[in-house]
PDB file of all heavy atoms in Angstrom:
ATOM      1  N   ARG A   1      16.518  -4.720  14.746  1.00  0.00           N
ATOM      2  CA  ARG A   1      17.194  -4.115  13.633  1.00  0.00           C
ATOM      3  C   ARG A   1      16.240  -3.118  12.973  1.00  0.00           C
ATOM      4  O   ARG A   1      15.614  -3.366  11.959  1.00  0.00           O
ATOM      5  CB  ARG A   1      17.683  -5.163  12.645  1.00  0.00           C
ATOM      6  CG  ARG A   1      18.770  -5.990  13.185  1.00  0.00           C
ATOM      7  CD  ARG A   1      19.284  -7.011  12.173  1.00  0.00           C
ATOM      8  NE  ARG A   1      18.716  -8.314  12.524  1.00  0.00           N
ATOM      9  CZ  ARG A   1      18.442  -9.259  11.650  1.00  0.00           C
ATOM     10  NH1 ARG A   1      18.678  -9.076  10.349  1.00  0.00           N
ATOM     11  NH2 ARG A   1      17.953 -10.408  12.087  1.00  0.00           N
ATOM     12  N   VAL A   2      16.155  -1.974  13.583  1.00  0.00           N
ATOM     13  CA  VAL A   2      15.214  -0.914  13.091  1.00  0.00           C
ATOM     14  C   VAL A   2      16.037   0.164  12.301  1.00  0.00           C
ATOM     15  O   VAL A   2      17.001   0.677  12.833  1.00  0.00           O
ATOM     16  CB  VAL A   2      14.436  -0.206  14.254  1.00  0.00           C
ATOM     17  CG1 VAL A   2      13.543   0.787  13.752  1.00  0.00           C
ATOM     18  CG2 VAL A   2      13.719  -1.347  15.099  1.00  0.00           C
ATOM     19  N   ASN A   3      15.564   0.340  11.008  1.00  0.00           N
ATOM     20  CA  ASN A   3      16.189   1.420  10.235  1.00  0.00           C
ATOM     21  C   ASN A   3      15.083   2.382   9.854  1.00  0.00           C
ATOM     22  O   ASN A   3      14.564   2.419   8.761  1.00  0.00           O
ATOM     23  CB  ASN A   3      16.724   0.829   9.009  1.00  0.00           C
ATOM     24  CG  ASN A   3      17.952  -0.161   9.315  1.00  0.00           C
ATOM     25  OD1 ASN A   3      18.846   0.271  10.018  1.00  0.00           O
ATOM     26  ND2 ASN A   3      17.845  -1.332   8.829  1.00  0.00           N
ATOM     27  N   PRO A   4      14.635   3.289  10.764  1.00  0.00           N
ATOM     28  CA  PRO A   4      13.634   4.267  10.493  1.00  0.00           C
ATOM     29  C   PRO A   4      14.021   5.225   9.385  1.00  0.00           C
ATOM     30  O   PRO A   4      15.179   5.568   9.263  1.00  0.00           O
ATOM     31  CB  PRO A   4      13.346   4.981  11.894  1.00  0.00           C
ATOM     32  CG  PRO A   4      14.654   4.810  12.678  1.00  0.00           C
ATOM     33  CD  PRO A   4      15.301   3.517  12.122  1.00  0.00           C
ATOM     34  N   GLU A   5      13.020   5.664   8.608  1.00  0.00           N
ATOM     35  CA  GLU A   5      13.196   6.584   7.579  1.00  0.00           C
ATOM     36  C   GLU A   5      11.861   7.357   7.424  1.00  0.00           C
ATOM     37  O   GLU A   5      10.744   6.868   7.881  1.00  0.00           O
ATOM     38  CB  GLU A   5      13.602   5.896   6.248  1.00  0.00           C
ATOM     39  CG  GLU A   5      12.505   4.949   5.736  1.00  0.00           C
ATOM     40  CD  GLU A   5      12.879   4.317   4.428  1.00  0.00           C
ATOM     41  OE1 GLU A   5      12.809   4.959   3.359  1.00  0.00           O
ATOM     42  OE2 GLU A   5      13.262   3.077   4.487  1.00  0.00           O
ATOM     43  N   PRO A   6      11.953   8.601   6.935  1.00  0.00           N
ATOM     44  CA  PRO A   6      10.696   9.334   6.721  1.00  0.00           C
ATOM     45  C   PRO A   6       9.913   8.668   5.600  1.00  0.00           C
ATOM     46  O   PRO A   6      10.508   8.425   4.496  1.00  0.00           O
ATOM     47  CB  PRO A   6      11.184  10.758   6.277  1.00  0.00           C
ATOM     48  CG  PRO A   6      12.658  10.663   6.261  1.00  0.00           C
ATOM     49  CD  PRO A   6      13.130   9.309   6.565  1.00  0.00           C
ATOM     50  N   ILE A   7       8.637   8.450   5.840  1.00  0.00           N
ATOM     51  CA  ILE A   7       7.748   7.788   4.870  1.00  0.00           C
ATOM     52  C   ILE A   7       6.521   8.714   4.782  1.00  0.00           C
ATOM     53  O   ILE A   7       5.849   8.976   5.791  1.00  0.00           O
ATOM     54  CB  ILE A   7       7.289   6.344   5.324  1.00  0.00           C
ATOM     55  CG1 ILE A   7       8.533   5.518   5.461  1.00  0.00           C
ATOM     56  CG2 ILE A   7       6.322   5.772   4.248  1.00  0.00           C
ATOM     57  CD1 ILE A   7       8.181   4.089   6.078  1.00  0.00           C
ATOM     58  N   ASP A   8       6.279   9.111   3.511  1.00  0.00           N
ATOM     59  CA  ASP A   8       5.014   9.849   3.249  1.00  0.00           C
ATOM     60  C   ASP A   8       3.907   8.874   2.906  1.00  0.00           C
ATOM     61  O   ASP A   8       3.904   8.223   1.868  1.00  0.00           O
ATOM     62  CB  ASP A   8       5.158  10.860   2.045  1.00  0.00           C
ATOM     63  CG  ASP A   8       4.054  11.770   1.858  1.00  0.00           C
ATOM     64  OD1 ASP A   8       2.939  11.524   2.454  1.00  0.00           O
ATOM     65  OD2 ASP A   8       4.171  12.740   1.164  1.00  0.00           O
ATOM     66  N   LEU A   9       2.971   8.655   3.872  1.00  0.00           N
ATOM     67  CA  LEU A   9       1.947   7.633   3.732  1.00  0.00           C
ATOM     68  C   LEU A   9       1.034   7.973   2.520  1.00  0.00           C
ATOM     69  O   LEU A   9       0.462   7.125   1.982  1.00  0.00           O
ATOM     70  CB  LEU A   9       1.094   7.590   5.005  1.00  0.00           C
ATOM     71  CG  LEU A   9       1.887   7.139   6.297  1.00  0.00           C
ATOM     72  CD1 LEU A   9       0.934   7.149   7.484  1.00  0.00           C
ATOM     73  CD2 LEU A   9       2.410   5.702   6.063  1.00  0.00           C
ATOM     74  N   ALA A  10       0.947   9.213   2.217  1.00  0.00           N
ATOM     75  CA  ALA A  10       0.098   9.628   1.116  1.00  0.00           C
ATOM     76  C   ALA A  10       0.599   9.048  -0.244  1.00  0.00           C
ATOM     77  O   ALA A  10      -0.164   8.817  -1.205  1.00  0.00           O
ATOM     78  CB  ALA A  10      -0.086  11.190   0.961  1.00  0.00           C
ATOM     79  N   GLN A  11       1.936   8.907  -0.278  1.00  0.00           N
ATOM     80  CA  GLN A  11       2.607   8.332  -1.544  1.00  0.00           C
ATOM     81  C   GLN A  11       2.765   6.761  -1.369  1.00  0.00           C
ATOM     82  O   GLN A  11       2.582   6.065  -2.350  1.00  0.00           O
ATOM     83  CB  GLN A  11       3.948   8.976  -1.747  1.00  0.00           C
ATOM     84  CG  GLN A  11       3.876  10.425  -2.123  1.00  0.00           C
ATOM     85  CD  GLN A  11       5.251  10.963  -2.328  1.00  0.00           C
ATOM     86  OE1 GLN A  11       6.205  10.327  -2.330  1.00  0.00           O
ATOM     87  NE2 GLN A  11       5.341  12.374  -2.546  1.00  0.00           N
ATOM     88  N   HIS A  12       3.030   6.332  -0.186  1.00  0.00           N
ATOM     89  CA  HIS A  12       3.351   4.938   0.016  1.00  0.00           C
ATOM     90  C   HIS A  12       2.100   4.048   0.005  1.00  0.00           C
ATOM     91  O   HIS A  12       2.194   2.927  -0.590  1.00  0.00           O
ATOM     92  CB  HIS A  12       4.047   4.751   1.469  1.00  0.00           C
ATOM     93  CG  HIS A  12       4.517   3.383   1.683  1.00  0.00           C
ATOM     94  ND1 HIS A  12       5.650   2.848   1.084  1.00  0.00           N
ATOM     95  CD2 HIS A  12       4.043   2.454   2.595  1.00  0.00           C
ATOM     96  CE1 HIS A  12       5.785   1.561   1.468  1.00  0.00           C
ATOM     97  NE2 HIS A  12       4.872   1.337   2.444  1.00  0.00           N
ATOM     98  N   LEU A  13       1.083   4.447   0.613  1.00  0.00           N
ATOM     99  CA  LEU A  13      -0.095   3.542   0.790  1.00  0.00           C
ATOM    100  C   LEU A  13      -0.795   3.249  -0.531  1.00  0.00           C
ATOM    101  O   LEU A  13      -1.234   2.140  -0.716  1.00  0.00           O
ATOM    102  CB  LEU A  13      -1.118   4.156   1.763  1.00  0.00           C
ATOM    103  CG  LEU A  13      -0.635   4.172   3.243  1.00  0.00           C
ATOM    104  CD1 LEU A  13      -1.686   4.820   4.132  1.00  0.00           C
ATOM    105  CD2 LEU A  13      -0.328   2.807   3.640  1.00  0.00           C
ATOM    106  N   PRO A  14      -0.975   4.175  -1.545  1.00  0.00           N
ATOM    107  CA  PRO A  14      -1.541   3.721  -2.744  1.00  0.00           C
ATOM    108  C   PRO A  14      -0.865   2.566  -3.492  1.00  0.00           C
ATOM    109  O   PRO A  14      -1.451   1.676  -4.052  1.00  0.00           O
ATOM    110  CB  PRO A  14      -1.503   5.070  -3.632  1.00  0.00           C
ATOM    111  CG  PRO A  14      -1.639   6.152  -2.616  1.00  0.00           C
ATOM    112  CD  PRO A  14      -0.726   5.632  -1.449  1.00  0.00           C
ATOM    113  N   ARG A  15       0.522   2.664  -3.496  1.00  0.00           N
ATOM    114  CA  ARG A  15       1.267   1.575  -3.988  1.00  0.00           C
ATOM    115  C   ARG A  15       1.138   0.320  -3.242  1.00  0.00           C
ATOM    116  O   ARG A  15       0.957  -0.762  -3.855  1.00  0.00           O
ATOM    117  CB  ARG A  15       2.774   1.961  -4.055  1.00  0.00           C
ATOM    118  CG  ARG A  15       3.137   3.047  -5.091  1.00  0.00           C
ATOM    119  CD  ARG A  15       4.553   3.187  -5.260  1.00  0.00           C
ATOM    120  NE  ARG A  15       5.251   3.656  -4.055  1.00  0.00           N
ATOM    121  CZ  ARG A  15       5.621   4.913  -3.785  1.00  0.00           C
ATOM    122  NH1 ARG A  15       5.375   5.854  -4.678  1.00  0.00           N
ATOM    123  NH2 ARG A  15       6.263   5.237  -2.735  1.00  0.00           N
ATOM    124  N   PHE A  16       1.055   0.435  -1.921  1.00  0.00           N
ATOM    125  CA  PHE A  16       0.879  -0.819  -1.096  1.00  0.00           C
ATOM    126  C   PHE A  16      -0.516  -1.385  -1.427  1.00  0.00           C
ATOM    127  O   PHE A  16      -0.588  -2.686  -1.569  1.00  0.00           O
ATOM    128  CB  PHE A  16       0.937  -0.402   0.360  1.00  0.00           C
ATOM    129  CG  PHE A  16       0.590  -1.467   1.316  1.00  0.00           C
ATOM    130  CD1 PHE A  16       1.528  -2.467   1.615  1.00  0.00           C
ATOM    131  CD2 PHE A  16      -0.649  -1.670   1.805  1.00  0.00           C
ATOM    132  CE1 PHE A  16       1.248  -3.500   2.510  1.00  0.00           C
ATOM    133  CE2 PHE A  16      -1.051  -2.695   2.623  1.00  0.00           C
ATOM    134  CZ  PHE A  16      -0.009  -3.598   3.039  1.00  0.00           C
ATOM    135  N   ILE A  17      -1.558  -0.595  -1.592  1.00  0.00           N
ATOM    136  CA  ILE A  17      -2.890  -1.188  -1.808  1.00  0.00           C
ATOM    137  C   ILE A  17      -2.981  -1.776  -3.145  1.00  0.00           C
ATOM    138  O   ILE A  17      -3.594  -2.850  -3.352  1.00  0.00           O
ATOM    139  CB  ILE A  17      -3.924   0.084  -1.773  1.00  0.00           C
ATOM    140  CG1 ILE A  17      -4.107   0.457  -0.294  1.00  0.00           C
ATOM    141  CG2 ILE A  17      -5.272  -0.374  -2.373  1.00  0.00           C
ATOM    142  CD1 ILE A  17      -4.960   1.654  -0.129  1.00  0.00           C
ATOM    143  N   GLU A  18      -2.211  -1.202  -4.177  1.00  0.00           N
ATOM    144  CA  GLU A  18      -2.144  -1.839  -5.475  1.00  0.00           C
ATOM    145  C   GLU A  18      -1.498  -3.276  -5.353  1.00  0.00           C
ATOM    146  O   GLU A  18      -2.014  -4.199  -5.961  1.00  0.00           O
ATOM    147  CB  GLU A  18      -1.332  -0.931  -6.393  1.00  0.00           C
ATOM    148  CG  GLU A  18      -1.337  -1.462  -7.827  1.00  0.00           C
ATOM    149  CD  GLU A  18      -0.554  -0.451  -8.755  1.00  0.00           C
ATOM    150  OE1 GLU A  18      -0.586   0.721  -8.481  1.00  0.00           O
ATOM    151  OE2 GLU A  18       0.051  -0.964  -9.698  1.00  0.00           O
ATOM    152  N   GLU A  19      -0.418  -3.306  -4.596  1.00  0.00           N
ATOM    153  CA  GLU A  19       0.330  -4.598  -4.440  1.00  0.00           C
ATOM    154  C   GLU A  19      -0.559  -5.698  -3.807  1.00  0.00           C
ATOM    155  O   GLU A  19      -0.693  -6.813  -4.212  1.00  0.00           O
ATOM    156  CB  GLU A  19       1.581  -4.387  -3.684  1.00  0.00           C
ATOM    157  CG  GLU A  19       2.716  -3.723  -4.484  1.00  0.00           C
ATOM    158  CD  GLU A  19       3.883  -3.412  -3.603  1.00  0.00           C
ATOM    159  OE1 GLU A  19       4.088  -4.097  -2.535  1.00  0.00           O
ATOM    160  OE2 GLU A  19       4.704  -2.469  -3.972  1.00  0.00           O
ATOM    161  N   ILE A  20      -1.225  -5.324  -2.619  1.00  0.00           N
ATOM    162  CA  ILE A  20      -1.920  -6.280  -1.932  1.00  0.00           C
ATOM    163  C   ILE A  20      -3.226  -6.727  -2.665  1.00  0.00           C
ATOM    164  O   ILE A  20      -3.663  -7.878  -2.644  1.00  0.00           O
ATOM    165  CB  ILE A  20      -2.309  -5.832  -0.530  1.00  0.00           C
ATOM    166  CG1 ILE A  20      -2.648  -7.040   0.323  1.00  0.00           C
ATOM    167  CG2 ILE A  20      -3.295  -4.726  -0.432  1.00  0.00           C
ATOM    168  CD1 ILE A  20      -2.679  -6.824   1.873  1.00  0.00           C
ATOM    169  N   SER A  21      -3.807  -5.732  -3.470  1.00  0.00           N
ATOM    170  CA  SER A  21      -4.934  -6.049  -4.255  1.00  0.00           C
ATOM    171  C   SER A  21      -4.571  -7.057  -5.414  1.00  0.00           C
ATOM    172  O   SER A  21      -5.289  -8.058  -5.663  1.00  0.00           O
ATOM    173  CB  SER A  21      -5.564  -4.800  -4.888  1.00  0.00           C
ATOM    174  OG  SER A  21      -5.972  -3.933  -3.894  1.00  0.00           O
ATOM    175  N   HIS A  22      -3.499  -6.778  -6.056  1.00  0.00           N
ATOM    176  CA  HIS A  22      -2.989  -7.703  -7.062  1.00  0.00           C
ATOM    177  C   HIS A  22      -2.672  -9.107  -6.483  1.00  0.00           C
ATOM    178  O   HIS A  22      -3.030 -10.121  -7.127  1.00  0.00           O
ATOM    179  CB  HIS A  22      -1.696  -7.106  -7.754  1.00  0.00           C
ATOM    180  CG  HIS A  22      -1.104  -7.962  -8.780  1.00  0.00           C
ATOM    181  ND1 HIS A  22      -1.781  -7.997 -10.041  1.00  0.00           N
ATOM    182  CD2 HIS A  22       0.014  -8.658  -8.821  1.00  0.00           C
ATOM    183  CE1 HIS A  22      -1.025  -8.867 -10.781  1.00  0.00           C
ATOM    184  NE2 HIS A  22       0.031  -9.318 -10.114  1.00  0.00           N
ATOM    185  N   ALA A  23      -2.028  -9.162  -5.371  1.00  0.00           N
ATOM    186  CA  ALA A  23      -1.698 -10.422  -4.749  1.00  0.00           C
ATOM    187  C   ALA A  23      -2.941 -11.251  -4.331  1.00  0.00           C
ATOM    188  O   ALA A  23      -2.951 -12.487  -4.416  1.00  0.00           O
ATOM    189  CB  ALA A  23      -0.900 -10.211  -3.451  1.00  0.00           C
ATOM    190  N   ASN A  24      -4.036 -10.581  -3.983  1.00  0.00           N
ATOM    191  CA  ASN A  24      -5.310 -11.273  -3.620  1.00  0.00           C
ATOM    192  C   ASN A  24      -6.280 -11.291  -4.817  1.00  0.00           C
ATOM    193  O   ASN A  24      -7.380 -11.860  -4.624  1.00  0.00           O
ATOM    194  CB  ASN A  24      -5.870 -10.536  -2.478  1.00  0.00           C
ATOM    195  CG  ASN A  24      -5.161 -10.773  -1.122  1.00  0.00           C
ATOM    196  OD1 ASN A  24      -5.334 -11.841  -0.507  1.00  0.00           O
ATOM    197  ND2 ASN A  24      -4.347  -9.847  -0.771  1.00  0.00           N
ATOM    198  N   LYS A  25      -5.872 -10.922  -6.003  1.00  0.00           N
ATOM    199  CA  LYS A  25      -6.716 -10.849  -7.127  1.00  0.00           C
ATOM    200  C   LYS A  25      -8.032 -10.198  -6.942  1.00  0.00           C
ATOM    201  O   LYS A  25      -9.094 -10.706  -7.231  1.00  0.00           O
ATOM    202  CB  LYS A  25      -6.915 -12.342  -7.671  1.00  0.00           C
ATOM    203  CG  LYS A  25      -5.671 -12.984  -8.116  1.00  0.00           C
ATOM    204  CD  LYS A  25      -5.868 -14.405  -8.499  1.00  0.00           C
ATOM    205  CE  LYS A  25      -4.572 -15.134  -9.104  1.00  0.00           C
ATOM    206  NZ  LYS A  25      -3.530 -15.244  -8.233  1.00  0.00           N
ATOM    207  N   LEU A  26      -7.902  -9.026  -6.316  1.00  0.00           N
ATOM    208  CA  LEU A  26      -9.103  -8.254  -6.034  1.00  0.00           C
ATOM    209  C   LEU A  26      -9.021  -6.828  -6.748  1.00  0.00           C
ATOM    210  O   LEU A  26      -7.906  -6.358  -6.939  1.00  0.00           O
ATOM    211  CB  LEU A  26      -9.208  -7.913  -4.520  1.00  0.00           C
ATOM    212  CG  LEU A  26      -9.466  -9.152  -3.602  1.00  0.00           C
ATOM    213  CD1 LEU A  26      -9.245  -8.774  -2.120  1.00  0.00           C
ATOM    214  CD2 LEU A  26     -10.833  -9.708  -3.806  1.00  0.00           C
ATOM    215  N   PRO A  27     -10.116  -6.265  -7.024  1.00  0.00           N
ATOM    216  CA  PRO A  27     -10.089  -4.878  -7.656  1.00  0.00           C
ATOM    217  C   PRO A  27      -9.479  -3.911  -6.596  1.00  0.00           C
ATOM    218  O   PRO A  27      -9.912  -4.043  -5.387  1.00  0.00           O
ATOM    219  CB  PRO A  27     -11.413  -4.618  -8.032  1.00  0.00           C
ATOM    220  CG  PRO A  27     -12.346  -5.563  -7.307  1.00  0.00           C
ATOM    221  CD  PRO A  27     -11.414  -6.755  -7.022  1.00  0.00           C
ATOM    222  N   PRO A  28      -8.664  -2.974  -6.873  1.00  0.00           N
ATOM    223  CA  PRO A  28      -8.169  -2.026  -5.890  1.00  0.00           C
ATOM    224  C   PRO A  28      -9.297  -1.226  -5.088  1.00  0.00           C
ATOM    225  O   PRO A  28      -9.055  -0.815  -3.975  1.00  0.00           O
ATOM    226  CB  PRO A  28      -7.268  -1.052  -6.695  1.00  0.00           C
ATOM    227  CG  PRO A  28      -6.954  -1.888  -7.888  1.00  0.00           C
ATOM    228  CD  PRO A  28      -8.059  -2.714  -8.184  1.00  0.00           C
ATOM    229  N   SER A  29     -10.462  -1.123  -5.688  1.00  0.00           N
ATOM    230  CA  SER A  29     -11.544  -0.482  -5.076  1.00  0.00           C
ATOM    231  C   SER A  29     -12.124  -1.233  -3.820  1.00  0.00           C
ATOM    232  O   SER A  29     -12.823  -0.661  -3.052  1.00  0.00           O
ATOM    233  CB  SER A  29     -12.721  -0.276  -6.024  1.00  0.00           C
ATOM    234  OG  SER A  29     -13.225  -1.502  -6.521  1.00  0.00           O
ATOM    235  N   THR A  30     -11.582  -2.507  -3.616  1.00  0.00           N
ATOM    236  CA  THR A  30     -12.031  -3.250  -2.372  1.00  0.00           C
ATOM    237  C   THR A  30     -11.509  -2.502  -1.168  1.00  0.00           C
ATOM    238  O   THR A  30     -12.046  -2.544  -0.117  1.00  0.00           O
ATOM    239  CB  THR A  30     -11.525  -4.613  -2.467  1.00  0.00           C
ATOM    240  OG1 THR A  30     -11.977  -5.235  -3.677  1.00  0.00           O
ATOM    241  CG2 THR A  30     -11.988  -5.448  -1.322  1.00  0.00           C
ATOM    242  N   ILE A  31     -10.281  -1.855  -1.316  1.00  0.00           N
ATOM    243  CA  ILE A  31      -9.639  -1.150  -0.229  1.00  0.00           C
ATOM    244  C   ILE A  31      -9.731   0.387  -0.480  1.00  0.00           C
ATOM    245  O   ILE A  31      -9.268   0.848  -1.513  1.00  0.00           O
ATOM    246  CB  ILE A  31      -8.179  -1.569  -0.030  1.00  0.00           C
ATOM    247  CG1 ILE A  31      -8.090  -3.038   0.115  1.00  0.00           C
ATOM    248  CG2 ILE A  31      -7.536  -0.814   1.045  1.00  0.00           C
ATOM    249  CD1 ILE A  31      -6.628  -3.620   0.123  1.00  0.00           C
ATOM    250  N   ASN A  32     -10.381   1.062   0.400  1.00  0.00           N
ATOM    251  CA  ASN A  32     -10.618   2.486   0.309  1.00  0.00           C
ATOM    252  C   ASN A  32      -9.572   3.242   1.129  1.00  0.00           C
ATOM    253  O   ASN A  32      -9.438   2.832   2.279  1.00  0.00           O
ATOM    254  CB  ASN A  32     -12.034   2.860   0.655  1.00  0.00           C
ATOM    255  CG  ASN A  32     -12.356   4.303   0.526  1.00  0.00           C
ATOM    256  OD1 ASN A  32     -11.903   4.962  -0.445  1.00  0.00           O
ATOM    257  ND2 ASN A  32     -13.126   4.841   1.415  1.00  0.00           N
ATOM    258  N   LEU A  33      -8.895   4.221   0.607  1.00  0.00           N
ATOM    259  CA  LEU A  33      -7.929   4.991   1.264  1.00  0.00           C
ATOM    260  C   LEU A  33      -8.340   6.398   1.519  1.00  0.00           C
ATOM    261  O   LEU A  33      -8.788   7.087   0.603  1.00  0.00           O
ATOM    262  CB  LEU A  33      -6.603   4.970   0.471  1.00  0.00           C
ATOM    263  CG  LEU A  33      -5.442   5.826   1.064  1.00  0.00           C
ATOM    264  CD1 LEU A  33      -5.013   5.298   2.410  1.00  0.00           C
ATOM    265  CD2 LEU A  33      -4.253   5.769   0.053  1.00  0.00           C
TER     266      LEU A  33
END
């Protein structure tokens, strides 16, 4: 069940990093983009 869509990684990844950093209780600076 694939629903491809255009994703701008430059916009998507900063939000993703914020979410995973928050979930792991780590400062966002742990992950460099």
